[in-house]
Amino acid sequence: MKIATFNINGIKARLPALLDWLSETMPDIAMLQEIKSVDELFPREEIEALGYQIHSHGMKGFNGVAILSKYPLEDIMRGLPGDSDDIQTRYIEATVITNKGPLRLCNLYLPNGNPTPGPKFDYKLKWMKRLYERTCALIKLEEPFLLAGDFNIIPQAEDCWDTKVWESDAAYLPESRAAYRKILNLGLTDAFRVKNKSAMNYTFWDYQAGAWNKNNGIRIDHFLLSSSCADILIDCQSDRECRARDKPSDHVPVWVELDI
């Protein structure tokens, strides 16, 4: 089974690019972030024509997540538990039933957190604490699961073209990386790092200052696998070439292949 994550940076603006990528790579499941669309206006027909069912959790102009699946999904949960007043649409969960049993899919768009210090950074850290608590709850269920999406976290120096440029950014501040490691240290596996040991493997390049052509990128799109999910990991790679195409997202897809 091939499962992908892709910050699409606007589902309507990037729909042709998304459809091309889906047609070419045909992931079984694609988890999208930053769709920037209410659910009612999500462009369903074109995507459904490729064989996908769609579950989204969107809002107008900002944020928003969606899961596209060629398999039926069950037990859909929209919104990250822990704050009933949080209106930002950044999280959706679903279960897919495989030939080896259920697999829980957790699609997230973690807050950016800038500028720092300030309320946006405080919100980021509180959101990460909620994600930690949700991950603990998933572990207790003793079923395989994965966390995937745009984490807005640069885990290590090798995940950044120049740490001096990013050292005061919320994605690289010690508090952010510590909160990320706290989740990872619950026993999760960074799938991309397992399969790609070298530096300069990025998933995001800014539109400004020729970042793509200079390879001035960062790795902030991740797959974190539970121990039982990591046991069936075959591969994890990125579709880097998508960034060089016409009207691309500033992120590229990342995907895992699982032995199910």
Foldseek 3Di string as FASTA:
>chain_A
DKEKEEAFQACVLCVVLVLVVCVVPVGQKYKYKFNQDCPVPRPPPSLVVSQWDKDWFHDHRTIIMMMTHNADWDDKDWDQPDDPPDNHGFWIKIWGQDPVGIEIEIEGDQQQQPDPPDDSVVVRLVVLVSVLVVLVVVVVVVHKYKYWYQNNAQQDPLQFPDCVVCDNGSNYDPSSNVSVVSSLVVAWDFQQCVADVGGLQAFFFDPPDCCVVVSRHGHRTTMIIHPVQVVFWDHKHWPSCSCVDPSGDRGTMIMTDGPD
